[in-house]
PDB file of all heavy atoms in Angstrom:
ATOM      1  N   ALA A   1      -8.402   9.645  37.304  1.00  0.00           N
ATOM      2  CA  ALA A   1      -9.596   8.892  36.824  1.00  0.00           C
ATOM      3  C   ALA A   1     -10.791   9.057  37.805  1.00  0.00           C
ATOM      4  O   ALA A   1     -11.932   9.204  37.360  1.00  0.00           O
ATOM      5  CB  ALA A   1      -9.322   7.354  36.694  1.00  0.00           C
ATOM      6  N   LEU A   2     -10.555   9.077  39.093  1.00  0.00           N
ATOM      7  CA  LEU A   2     -11.611   9.336  40.057  1.00  0.00           C
ATOM      8  C   LEU A   2     -12.188  10.677  39.866  1.00  0.00           C
ATOM      9  O   LEU A   2     -13.463  10.889  39.922  1.00  0.00           O
ATOM     10  CB  LEU A   2     -11.030   9.138  41.451  1.00  0.00           C
ATOM     11  CG  LEU A   2     -10.658   7.793  41.951  1.00  0.00           C
ATOM     12  CD1 LEU A   2      -9.815   7.818  43.164  1.00  0.00           C
ATOM     13  CD2 LEU A   2     -11.927   6.930  42.292  1.00  0.00           C
ATOM     14  N   TYR A   3     -11.356  11.696  39.623  1.00  0.00           N
ATOM     15  CA  TYR A   3     -11.820  13.018  39.509  1.00  0.00           C
ATOM     16  C   TYR A   3     -12.625  13.160  38.224  1.00  0.00           C
ATOM     17  O   TYR A   3     -13.677  13.814  38.193  1.00  0.00           O
ATOM     18  CB  TYR A   3     -10.640  13.965  39.473  1.00  0.00           C
ATOM     19  CG  TYR A   3     -10.998  15.435  39.585  1.00  0.00           C
ATOM     20  CD1 TYR A   3     -11.869  15.907  40.541  1.00  0.00           C
ATOM     21  CD2 TYR A   3     -10.420  16.354  38.715  1.00  0.00           C
ATOM     22  CE1 TYR A   3     -12.190  17.280  40.592  1.00  0.00           C
ATOM     23  CE2 TYR A   3     -10.774  17.723  38.780  1.00  0.00           C
ATOM     24  CZ  TYR A   3     -11.588  18.183  39.778  1.00  0.00           C
ATOM     25  OH  TYR A   3     -11.958  19.437  39.829  1.00  0.00           O
ATOM     26  N   ARG A   4     -12.109  12.543  37.111  1.00  0.00           N
ATOM     27  CA  ARG A   4     -12.868  12.599  35.873  1.00  0.00           C
ATOM     28  C   ARG A   4     -14.311  12.015  36.008  1.00  0.00           C
ATOM     29  O   ARG A   4     -15.243  12.579  35.424  1.00  0.00           O
ATOM     30  CB  ARG A   4     -12.096  11.822  34.748  1.00  0.00           C
ATOM     31  CG  ARG A   4     -12.852  11.740  33.472  1.00  0.00           C
ATOM     32  CD  ARG A   4     -12.071  11.231  32.362  1.00  0.00           C
ATOM     33  NE  ARG A   4     -12.796  11.095  31.115  1.00  0.00           N
ATOM     34  CZ  ARG A   4     -12.347  11.222  29.906  1.00  0.00           C
ATOM     35  NH1 ARG A   4     -11.127  11.483  29.685  1.00  0.00           N
ATOM     36  NH2 ARG A   4     -13.172  11.103  28.800  1.00  0.00           N
ATOM     37  N   HIS A   5     -14.403  10.915  36.766  1.00  0.00           N
ATOM     38  CA  HIS A   5     -15.699  10.249  36.871  1.00  0.00           C
ATOM     39  C   HIS A   5     -16.518  10.737  38.123  1.00  0.00           C
ATOM     40  O   HIS A   5     -17.561  10.177  38.387  1.00  0.00           O
ATOM     41  CB  HIS A   5     -15.518   8.788  36.948  1.00  0.00           C
ATOM     42  CG  HIS A   5     -15.010   8.285  35.565  1.00  0.00           C
ATOM     43  ND1 HIS A   5     -15.872   7.912  34.585  1.00  0.00           N
ATOM     44  CD2 HIS A   5     -13.781   8.047  35.089  1.00  0.00           C
ATOM     45  CE1 HIS A   5     -15.221   7.474  33.520  1.00  0.00           C
ATOM     46  NE2 HIS A   5     -13.943   7.571  33.834  1.00  0.00           N
ATOM     47  N   GLY A   6     -16.052  11.751  38.830  1.00  0.00           N
ATOM     48  CA  GLY A   6     -16.738  12.268  40.002  1.00  0.00           C
ATOM     49  C   GLY A   6     -16.939  11.216  41.090  1.00  0.00           C
ATOM     50  O   GLY A   6     -17.997  11.256  41.760  1.00  0.00           O
ATOM     51  N   ILE A   7     -15.972  10.437  41.335  1.00  0.00           N
ATOM     52  CA  ILE A   7     -16.040   9.363  42.363  1.00  0.00           C
ATOM     53  C   ILE A   7     -15.144   9.856  43.572  1.00  0.00           C
ATOM     54  O   ILE A   7     -13.967   9.995  43.473  1.00  0.00           O
ATOM     55  CB  ILE A   7     -15.557   8.025  41.819  1.00  0.00           C
ATOM     56  CG1 ILE A   7     -16.377   7.529  40.719  1.00  0.00           C
ATOM     57  CG2 ILE A   7     -15.529   6.988  42.951  1.00  0.00           C
ATOM     58  CD1 ILE A   7     -15.963   6.285  39.999  1.00  0.00           C
ATOM     59  N   GLY A   8     -15.744  10.009  44.690  1.00  0.00           N
ATOM     60  CA  GLY A   8     -15.063  10.245  45.879  1.00  0.00           C
ATOM     61  C   GLY A   8     -14.359  11.612  45.936  1.00  0.00           C
ATOM     62  O   GLY A   8     -14.728  12.528  45.098  1.00  0.00           O
ATOM     63  N   ARG A   9     -13.299  11.884  46.747  1.00  0.00           N
ATOM     64  CA  ARG A   9     -12.626  13.034  46.869  1.00  0.00           C
ATOM     65  C   ARG A   9     -11.159  12.735  46.674  1.00  0.00           C
ATOM     66  O   ARG A   9     -10.399  12.332  47.605  1.00  0.00           O
ATOM     67  CB  ARG A   9     -12.827  13.608  48.297  1.00  0.00           C
ATOM     68  CG  ARG A   9     -14.285  14.067  48.530  1.00  0.00           C
ATOM     69  CD  ARG A   9     -14.506  14.549  49.913  1.00  0.00           C
ATOM     70  NE  ARG A   9     -14.371  13.491  50.982  1.00  0.00           N
ATOM     71  CZ  ARG A   9     -15.373  12.650  51.247  1.00  0.00           C
ATOM     72  NH1 ARG A   9     -16.488  12.745  50.626  1.00  0.00           N
ATOM     73  NH2 ARG A   9     -15.146  11.702  52.173  1.00  0.00           N
ATOM     74  N   PRO A  10     -10.652  12.913  45.460  1.00  0.00           N
ATOM     75  CA  PRO A  10      -9.208  12.614  45.174  1.00  0.00           C
ATOM     76  C   PRO A  10      -8.343  13.829  45.779  1.00  0.00           C
ATOM     77  O   PRO A  10      -8.664  14.942  45.693  1.00  0.00           O
ATOM     78  CB  PRO A  10      -9.122  12.599  43.691  1.00  0.00           C
ATOM     79  CG  PRO A  10     -10.475  12.770  43.197  1.00  0.00           C
ATOM     80  CD  PRO A  10     -11.388  13.250  44.203  1.00  0.00           C
ATOM     81  N   VAL A  11      -7.294  13.357  46.415  1.00  0.00           N
ATOM     82  CA  VAL A  11      -6.395  14.286  47.174  1.00  0.00           C
ATOM     83  C   VAL A  11      -4.974  13.911  46.889  1.00  0.00           C
ATOM     84  O   VAL A  11      -4.535  12.794  47.114  1.00  0.00           O
ATOM     85  CB  VAL A  11      -6.653  14.286  48.643  1.00  0.00           C
ATOM     86  CG1 VAL A  11      -5.747  15.327  49.349  1.00  0.00           C
ATOM     87  CG2 VAL A  11      -8.115  14.717  48.949  1.00  0.00           C
ATOM     88  N   HIS A  12      -4.196  14.929  46.445  1.00  0.00           N
ATOM     89  CA  HIS A  12      -2.694  14.722  46.370  1.00  0.00           C
ATOM     90  C   HIS A  12      -2.134  14.914  47.744  1.00  0.00           C
ATOM     91  O   HIS A  12      -2.420  15.887  48.355  1.00  0.00           O
ATOM     92  CB  HIS A  12      -2.175  15.827  45.379  1.00  0.00           C
ATOM     93  CG  HIS A  12      -0.612  15.918  45.446  1.00  0.00           C
ATOM     94  ND1 HIS A  12       0.198  15.443  44.442  1.00  0.00           N
ATOM     95  CD2 HIS A  12       0.163  16.498  46.316  1.00  0.00           C
ATOM     96  CE1 HIS A  12       1.442  15.683  44.698  1.00  0.00           C
ATOM     97  NE2 HIS A  12       1.492  16.271  45.868  1.00  0.00           N
ATOM     98  N   GLY A  13      -1.266  13.896  48.128  1.00  0.00           N
ATOM     99  CA  GLY A  13      -0.681  14.035  49.482  1.00  0.00           C
ATOM    100  C   GLY A  13       0.316  12.888  49.732  1.00  0.00           C
ATOM    101  O   GLY A  13       0.360  12.008  48.861  1.00  0.00           O
ATOM    102  N   PRO A  14       1.054  12.929  50.815  1.00  0.00           N
ATOM    103  CA  PRO A  14       2.099  12.016  51.127  1.00  0.00           C
ATOM    104  C   PRO A  14       1.582  10.558  51.111  1.00  0.00           C
ATOM    105  O   PRO A  14       0.390  10.295  51.411  1.00  0.00           O
ATOM    106  CB  PRO A  14       2.580  12.385  52.519  1.00  0.00           C
ATOM    107  CG  PRO A  14       2.291  13.833  52.543  1.00  0.00           C
ATOM    108  CD  PRO A  14       1.007  14.025  51.855  1.00  0.00           C
ATOM    109  N   LEU A  15       2.457   9.677  50.824  1.00  0.00           N
ATOM    110  CA  LEU A  15       2.202   8.178  50.909  1.00  0.00           C
ATOM    111  C   LEU A  15       2.567   7.659  52.256  1.00  0.00           C
ATOM    112  O   LEU A  15       3.465   8.254  52.972  1.00  0.00           O
ATOM    113  CB  LEU A  15       3.001   7.428  49.815  1.00  0.00           C
ATOM    114  CG  LEU A  15       2.818   7.872  48.367  1.00  0.00           C
ATOM    115  CD1 LEU A  15       3.941   7.302  47.525  1.00  0.00           C
ATOM    116  CD2 LEU A  15       1.426   7.486  47.910  1.00  0.00           C
ATOM    117  N   ALA A  16       2.005   6.519  52.620  1.00  0.00           N
ATOM    118  CA  ALA A  16       2.443   5.989  53.908  1.00  0.00           C
ATOM    119  C   ALA A  16       3.965   5.598  53.857  1.00  0.00           C
ATOM    120  O   ALA A  16       4.655   5.767  54.850  1.00  0.00           O
ATOM    121  CB  ALA A  16       1.638   4.677  54.170  1.00  0.00           C
ATOM    122  N   GLY A  17       4.467   5.176  52.689  1.00  0.00           N
ATOM    123  CA  GLY A  17       5.805   4.873  52.602  1.00  0.00           C
ATOM    124  C   GLY A  17       6.807   5.970  52.791  1.00  0.00           C
ATOM    125  O   GLY A  17       7.970   5.748  52.879  1.00  0.00           O
ATOM    126  N   ASP A  18       6.252   7.206  52.730  1.00  0.00           N
ATOM    127  CA  ASP A  18       7.177   8.385  52.937  1.00  0.00           C
ATOM    128  C   ASP A  18       7.663   8.413  54.373  1.00  0.00           C
ATOM    129  O   ASP A  18       8.569   9.304  54.604  1.00  0.00           O
ATOM    130  CB  ASP A  18       6.334   9.652  52.554  1.00  0.00           C
ATOM    131  CG  ASP A  18       6.245   9.818  51.098  1.00  0.00           C
ATOM    132  OD1 ASP A  18       7.055   9.402  50.369  1.00  0.00           O
ATOM    133  OD2 ASP A  18       5.261  10.511  50.715  1.00  0.00           O
ATOM    134  N   ILE A  19       7.250   7.616  55.254  1.00  0.00           N
ATOM    135  CA  ILE A  19       7.779   7.608  56.581  1.00  0.00           C
ATOM    136  C   ILE A  19       9.276   7.272  56.554  1.00  0.00           C
ATOM    137  O   ILE A  19      10.047   7.586  57.440  1.00  0.00           O
ATOM    138  CB  ILE A  19       7.008   6.603  57.516  1.00  0.00           C
ATOM    139  CG1 ILE A  19       7.369   6.936  59.009  1.00  0.00           C
ATOM    140  CG2 ILE A  19       7.406   5.175  57.172  1.00  0.00           C
ATOM    141  CD1 ILE A  19       6.368   6.230  59.926  1.00  0.00           C
ATOM    142  N   ARG A  20       9.820   6.677  55.394  1.00  0.00           N
ATOM    143  CA  ARG A  20      11.230   6.309  55.319  1.00  0.00           C
ATOM    144  C   ARG A  20      12.026   7.529  55.100  1.00  0.00           C
ATOM    145  O   ARG A  20      13.247   7.520  55.231  1.00  0.00           O
ATOM    146  CB  ARG A  20      11.400   5.354  54.128  1.00  0.00           C
ATOM    147  CG  ARG A  20      11.246   5.968  52.757  1.00  0.00           C
ATOM    148  CD  ARG A  20      11.223   4.945  51.683  1.00  0.00           C
ATOM    149  NE  ARG A  20      11.273   5.526  50.269  1.00  0.00           N
ATOM    150  CZ  ARG A  20      10.245   6.078  49.690  1.00  0.00           C
ATOM    151  NH1 ARG A  20       9.098   6.054  50.288  1.00  0.00           N
ATOM    152  NH2 ARG A  20      10.426   6.529  48.494  1.00  0.00           N
ATOM    153  N   ARG A  21      11.497   8.621  54.703  1.00  0.00           N
ATOM    154  CA  ARG A  21      12.231   9.851  54.346  1.00  0.00           C
ATOM    155  C   ARG A  21      12.518  10.644  55.608  1.00  0.00           C
ATOM    156  O   ARG A  21      11.958  10.495  56.675  1.00  0.00           O
ATOM    157  CB  ARG A  21      11.375  10.799  53.464  1.00  0.00           C
ATOM    158  CG  ARG A  21      10.995  10.097  52.149  1.00  0.00           C
ATOM    159  CD  ARG A  21      10.297  11.111  51.251  1.00  0.00           C
ATOM    160  NE  ARG A  21       9.663  10.547  50.148  1.00  0.00           N
ATOM    161  CZ  ARG A  21      10.284  10.224  48.978  1.00  0.00           C
ATOM    162  NH1 ARG A  21      11.540  10.506  48.820  1.00  0.00           N
ATOM    163  NH2 ARG A  21       9.624   9.643  47.964  1.00  0.00           N
ATOM    164  N   GLU A  22      13.568  11.522  55.572  1.00  0.00           N
ATOM    165  CA  GLU A  22      13.859  12.445  56.626  1.00  0.00           C
ATOM    166  C   GLU A  22      12.620  13.304  56.795  1.00  0.00           C
ATOM    167  O   GLU A  22      12.116  13.938  55.813  1.00  0.00           O
ATOM    168  CB  GLU A  22      15.068  13.354  56.302  1.00  0.00           C
ATOM    169  CG  GLU A  22      15.519  14.307  57.383  1.00  0.00           C
ATOM    170  CD  GLU A  22      16.718  15.080  57.066  1.00  0.00           C
ATOM    171  OE1 GLU A  22      17.344  14.807  55.997  1.00  0.00           O
ATOM    172  OE2 GLU A  22      17.028  15.942  57.868  1.00  0.00           O
ATOM    173  N   GLY A  23      12.118  13.450  58.020  1.00  0.00           N
ATOM    174  CA  GLY A  23      10.900  14.169  58.273  1.00  0.00           C
ATOM    175  C   GLY A  23       9.661  13.427  57.933  1.00  0.00           C
ATOM    176  O   GLY A  23       8.512  13.973  57.874  1.00  0.00           O
ATOM    177  N   GLY A  24       9.744  12.109  57.697  1.00  0.00           N
ATOM    178  CA  GLY A  24       8.657  11.323  57.205  1.00  0.00           C
ATOM    179  C   GLY A  24       7.494  11.160  58.257  1.00  0.00           C
ATOM    180  O   GLY A  24       6.322  11.066  57.887  1.00  0.00           O
ATOM    181  N   GLU A  25       7.926  11.135  59.535  1.00  0.00           N
ATOM    182  CA  GLU A  25       6.870  11.097  60.497  1.00  0.00           C
ATOM    183  C   GLU A  25       5.925  12.280  60.500  1.00  0.00           C
ATOM    184  O   GLU A  25       4.651  12.155  60.716  1.00  0.00           O
ATOM    185  CB  GLU A  25       7.434  10.910  61.934  1.00  0.00           C
ATOM    186  CG  GLU A  25       8.078   9.529  62.155  1.00  0.00           C
ATOM    187  CD  GLU A  25       8.502   9.293  63.564  1.00  0.00           C
ATOM    188  OE1 GLU A  25       8.338  10.273  64.372  1.00  0.00           O
ATOM    189  OE2 GLU A  25       8.950   8.173  63.906  1.00  0.00           O
ATOM    190  N   ALA A  26       6.429  13.471  60.206  1.00  0.00           N
ATOM    191  CA  ALA A  26       5.649  14.657  60.098  1.00  0.00           C
ATOM    192  C   ALA A  26       4.685  14.535  58.891  1.00  0.00           C
ATOM    193  O   ALA A  26       3.556  15.037  58.917  1.00  0.00           O
ATOM    194  CB  ALA A  26       6.526  15.944  59.967  1.00  0.00           C
ATOM    195  N   ALA A  27       5.223  13.975  57.834  1.00  0.00           N
ATOM    196  CA  ALA A  27       4.317  13.732  56.627  1.00  0.00           C
ATOM    197  C   ALA A  27       3.176  12.826  56.962  1.00  0.00           C
ATOM    198  O   ALA A  27       2.018  13.060  56.568  1.00  0.00           O
ATOM    199  CB  ALA A  27       5.125  13.213  55.425  1.00  0.00           C
ATOM    200  N   VAL A  28       3.448  11.760  57.740  1.00  0.00           N
ATOM    201  CA  VAL A  28       2.410  10.802  58.093  1.00  0.00           C
ATOM    202  C   VAL A  28       1.380  11.526  59.033  1.00  0.00           C
ATOM    203  O   VAL A  28       0.148  11.325  58.878  1.00  0.00           O
ATOM    204  CB  VAL A  28       3.013   9.561  58.799  1.00  0.00           C
ATOM    205  CG1 VAL A  28       1.864   8.752  59.433  1.00  0.00           C
ATOM    206  CG2 VAL A  28       3.725   8.760  57.760  1.00  0.00           C
ATOM    207  N   ARG A  29       1.878  12.280  59.955  1.00  0.00           N
ATOM    208  CA  ARG A  29       0.965  13.024  60.851  1.00  0.00           C
ATOM    209  C   ARG A  29       0.099  13.997  60.000  1.00  0.00           C
ATOM    210  O   ARG A  29      -1.116  14.197  60.332  1.00  0.00           O
ATOM    211  CB  ARG A  29       1.723  13.818  61.891  1.00  0.00           C
ATOM    212  CG  ARG A  29       2.420  12.949  62.960  1.00  0.00           C
ATOM    213  CD  ARG A  29       2.982  13.797  64.027  1.00  0.00           C
ATOM    214  NE  ARG A  29       3.706  12.885  64.949  1.00  0.00           N
ATOM    215  CZ  ARG A  29       5.036  12.685  64.991  1.00  0.00           C
ATOM    216  NH1 ARG A  29       5.797  13.316  64.037  1.00  0.00           N
ATOM    217  NH2 ARG A  29       5.603  11.812  65.881  1.00  0.00           N
ATOM    218  N   ARG A  30       0.637  14.687  58.983  1.00  0.00           N
ATOM    219  CA  ARG A  30      -0.112  15.600  58.207  1.00  0.00           C
ATOM    220  C   ARG A  30      -1.273  14.908  57.554  1.00  0.00           C
ATOM    221  O   ARG A  30      -2.359  15.457  57.461  1.00  0.00           O
ATOM    222  CB  ARG A  30       0.835  16.245  57.130  1.00  0.00           C
ATOM    223  CG  ARG A  30       0.306  17.438  56.492  1.00  0.00           C
ATOM    224  CD  ARG A  30       1.339  18.334  55.926  1.00  0.00           C
ATOM    225  NE  ARG A  30       2.132  17.699  54.940  1.00  0.00           N
ATOM    226  CZ  ARG A  30       3.452  17.282  55.073  1.00  0.00           C
ATOM    227  NH1 ARG A  30       4.095  17.467  56.249  1.00  0.00           N
ATOM    228  NH2 ARG A  30       4.139  16.704  54.137  1.00  0.00           N
ATOM    229  N   VAL A  31      -1.042  13.727  56.997  1.00  0.00           N
ATOM    230  CA  VAL A  31      -2.064  12.958  56.381  1.00  0.00           C
ATOM    231  C   VAL A  31      -3.141  12.509  57.396  1.00  0.00           C
ATOM    232  O   VAL A  31      -4.312  12.705  57.157  1.00  0.00           O
ATOM    233  CB  VAL A  31      -1.487  11.741  55.614  1.00  0.00           C
ATOM    234  CG1 VAL A  31      -2.719  10.785  55.164  1.00  0.00           C
ATOM    235  CG2 VAL A  31      -0.679  12.159  54.447  1.00  0.00           C
ATOM    236  N   LEU A  32      -2.705  12.029  58.544  1.00  0.00           N
ATOM    237  CA  LEU A  32      -3.692  11.561  59.495  1.00  0.00           C
ATOM    238  C   LEU A  32      -4.488  12.726  60.091  1.00  0.00           C
ATOM    239  O   LEU A  32      -5.724  12.562  60.421  1.00  0.00           O
ATOM    240  CB  LEU A  32      -2.959  10.821  60.651  1.00  0.00           C
ATOM    241  CG  LEU A  32      -2.283   9.527  60.243  1.00  0.00           C
ATOM    242  CD1 LEU A  32      -1.523   8.905  61.366  1.00  0.00           C
ATOM    243  CD2 LEU A  32      -3.269   8.448  59.648  1.00  0.00           C
ATOM    244  N   ASP A  33      -3.839  13.810  60.284  1.00  0.00           N
ATOM    245  CA  ASP A  33      -4.613  15.073  60.658  1.00  0.00           C
ATOM    246  C   ASP A  33      -5.633  15.418  59.672  1.00  0.00           C
ATOM    247  O   ASP A  33      -6.810  15.655  59.997  1.00  0.00           O
ATOM    248  CB  ASP A  33      -3.686  16.183  60.914  1.00  0.00           C
ATOM    249  CG  ASP A  33      -2.802  16.211  62.135  1.00  0.00           C
ATOM    250  OD1 ASP A  33      -3.196  15.449  63.048  1.00  0.00           O
ATOM    251  OD2 ASP A  33      -1.835  16.849  62.209  1.00  0.00           O
ATOM    252  N   PHE A  34      -5.319  15.319  58.373  1.00  0.00           N
ATOM    253  CA  PHE A  34      -6.272  15.668  57.349  1.00  0.00           C
ATOM    254  C   PHE A  34      -7.366  14.647  57.219  1.00  0.00           C
ATOM    255  O   PHE A  34      -8.560  15.084  57.171  1.00  0.00           O
ATOM    256  CB  PHE A  34      -5.442  15.814  55.991  1.00  0.00           C
ATOM    257  CG  PHE A  34      -6.364  15.948  54.836  1.00  0.00           C
ATOM    258  CD1 PHE A  34      -6.975  17.150  54.533  1.00  0.00           C
ATOM    259  CD2 PHE A  34      -6.660  14.950  53.980  1.00  0.00           C
ATOM    260  CE1 PHE A  34      -7.793  17.399  53.425  1.00  0.00           C
ATOM    261  CE2 PHE A  34      -7.481  15.032  52.844  1.00  0.00           C
ATOM    262  CZ  PHE A  34      -8.063  16.322  52.651  1.00  0.00           C
ATOM    263  N   LEU A  35      -7.014  13.371  57.146  1.00  0.00           N
ATOM    264  CA  LEU A  35      -8.076  12.414  56.978  1.00  0.00           C
ATOM    265  C   LEU A  35      -8.993  12.281  58.199  1.00  0.00           C
ATOM    266  O   LEU A  35     -10.185  11.904  58.037  1.00  0.00           O
ATOM    267  CB  LEU A  35      -7.376  11.021  56.654  1.00  0.00           C
ATOM    268  CG  LEU A  35      -6.704  10.921  55.342  1.00  0.00           C
ATOM    269  CD1 LEU A  35      -6.054   9.493  55.196  1.00  0.00           C
ATOM    270  CD2 LEU A  35      -7.687  11.231  54.156  1.00  0.00           C
ATOM    271  N   SER A  36      -8.482  12.577  59.323  1.00  0.00           N
ATOM    272  CA  SER A  36      -9.340  12.474  60.519  1.00  0.00           C
ATOM    273  C   SER A  36     -10.118  13.825  60.853  1.00  0.00           C
ATOM    274  O   SER A  36     -10.870  13.869  61.837  1.00  0.00           O
ATOM    275  CB  SER A  36      -8.510  12.152  61.731  1.00  0.00           C
ATOM    276  OG  SER A  36      -7.500  13.201  62.030  1.00  0.00           O
ATOM    277  N   GLY A  37      -9.853  14.814  60.024  1.00  0.00           N
ATOM    278  CA  GLY A  37     -10.564  16.068  60.162  1.00  0.00           C
ATOM    279  C   GLY A  37      -9.994  16.988  61.170  1.00  0.00           C
ATOM    280  O   GLY A  37     -10.580  18.108  61.493  1.00  0.00           O
ATOM    281  N   LYS A  38      -8.782  16.706  61.743  1.00  0.00           N
ATOM    282  CA  LYS A  38      -8.150  17.577  62.681  1.00  0.00           C
ATOM    283  C   LYS A  38      -7.575  18.875  62.018  1.00  0.00           C
ATOM    284  O   LYS A  38      -7.335  19.863  62.756  1.00  0.00           O
ATOM    285  CB  LYS A  38      -7.107  16.855  63.466  1.00  0.00           C
ATOM    286  CG  LYS A  38      -7.593  15.793  64.378  1.00  0.00           C
ATOM    287  CD  LYS A  38      -6.448  15.130  65.103  1.00  0.00           C
ATOM    288  CE  LYS A  38      -7.000  14.123  66.088  1.00  0.00           C
ATOM    289  NZ  LYS A  38      -5.969  13.472  66.886  1.00  0.00           N
ATOM    290  N   ALA A  39      -7.229  18.726  60.783  1.00  0.00           N
ATOM    291  CA  ALA A  39      -6.648  19.889  60.096  1.00  0.00           C
ATOM    292  C   ALA A  39      -6.945  19.907  58.649  1.00  0.00           C
ATOM    293  O   ALA A  39      -7.042  18.831  58.031  1.00  0.00           O
ATOM    294  CB  ALA A  39      -5.120  19.842  60.293  1.00  0.00           C
ATOM    295  N   ALA A  40      -7.269  21.058  58.126  1.00  0.00           N
ATOM    296  CA  ALA A  40      -7.490  21.248  56.666  1.00  0.00           C
ATOM    297  C   ALA A  40      -6.260  21.565  55.952  1.00  0.00           C
ATOM    298  O   ALA A  40      -5.250  22.001  56.607  1.00  0.00           O
ATOM    299  CB  ALA A  40      -8.582  22.316  56.457  1.00  0.00           C
ATOM    300  N   PRO A  41      -6.102  21.341  54.665  1.00  0.00           N
ATOM    301  CA  PRO A  41      -4.927  21.746  53.949  1.00  0.00           C
ATOM    302  C   PRO A  41      -4.825  23.276  53.917  1.00  0.00           C
ATOM    303  O   PRO A  41      -5.806  23.960  54.113  1.00  0.00           O
ATOM    304  CB  PRO A  41      -5.132  21.186  52.534  1.00  0.00           C
ATOM    305  CG  PRO A  41      -6.631  21.080  52.443  1.00  0.00           C
ATOM    306  CD  PRO A  41      -7.181  20.766  53.833  1.00  0.00           C
ATOM    307  N   PRO A  42      -3.650  23.819  53.820  1.00  0.00           N
ATOM    308  CA  PRO A  42      -3.553  25.307  53.741  1.00  0.00           C
ATOM    309  C   PRO A  42      -4.353  25.829  52.541  1.00  0.00           C
ATOM    310  O   PRO A  42      -4.390  25.243  51.483  1.00  0.00           O
ATOM    311  CB  PRO A  42      -2.020  25.512  53.501  1.00  0.00           C
ATOM    312  CG  PRO A  42      -1.368  24.242  53.954  1.00  0.00           C
ATOM    313  CD  PRO A  42      -2.358  23.102  53.749  1.00  0.00           C
ATOM    314  N   ALA A  43      -4.984  26.920  52.763  1.00  0.00           N
ATOM    315  CA  ALA A  43      -5.790  27.522  51.677  1.00  0.00           C
ATOM    316  C   ALA A  43      -4.845  27.984  50.553  1.00  0.00           C
ATOM    317  O   ALA A  43      -3.863  28.601  50.867  1.00  0.00           O
ATOM    318  CB  ALA A  43      -6.554  28.676  52.193  1.00  0.00           C
ATOM    319  N   PRO A  44      -5.122  27.633  49.254  1.00  0.00           N
ATOM    320  CA  PRO A  44      -4.277  28.132  48.246  1.00  0.00           C
ATOM    321  C   PRO A  44      -4.474  29.633  48.035  1.00  0.00           C
ATOM    322  O   PRO A  44      -5.417  30.229  48.523  1.00  0.00           O
ATOM    323  CB  PRO A  44      -4.860  27.313  47.008  1.00  0.00           C
ATOM    324  CG  PRO A  44      -6.221  27.026  47.391  1.00  0.00           C
ATOM    325  CD  PRO A  44      -6.255  26.822  48.812  1.00  0.00           C
ATOM    326  N   SER A  45      -3.418  30.248  47.469  1.00  0.00           N
ATOM    327  CA  SER A  45      -3.497  31.617  47.319  1.00  0.00           C
ATOM    328  C   SER A  45      -4.675  32.103  46.361  1.00  0.00           C
ATOM    329  O   SER A  45      -5.134  33.216  46.414  1.00  0.00           O
ATOM    330  CB  SER A  45      -2.182  32.183  46.830  1.00  0.00           C
ATOM    331  OG  SER A  45      -1.836  31.609  45.558  1.00  0.00           O
ATOM    332  N   GLU A  46      -5.042  31.199  45.507  1.00  0.00           N
ATOM    333  CA  GLU A  46      -6.218  31.415  44.645  1.00  0.00           C
ATOM    334  C   GLU A  46      -7.311  30.469  45.049  1.00  0.00           C
ATOM    335  O   GLU A  46      -7.638  29.517  44.446  1.00  0.00           O
ATOM    336  CB  GLU A  46      -5.808  31.178  43.088  1.00  0.00           C
ATOM    337  CG  GLU A  46      -4.657  31.938  42.590  1.00  0.00           C
ATOM    338  CD  GLU A  46      -3.269  31.289  42.898  1.00  0.00           C
ATOM    339  OE1 GLU A  46      -3.302  30.247  43.565  1.00  0.00           O
ATOM    340  OE2 GLU A  46      -2.228  31.768  42.414  1.00  0.00           O
TER     341      GLU A  46
END
């Protein structure tokens, strides 16, 4: 809905609750790196 209406920057990515999963801390770090501007997502092949 955000994307349809041009509101903000919608991004598919891990949830905070994913910390419960095996490897969950890495998922949380990936989000925090992205949201804080420390790392961009991998460039898609297209």
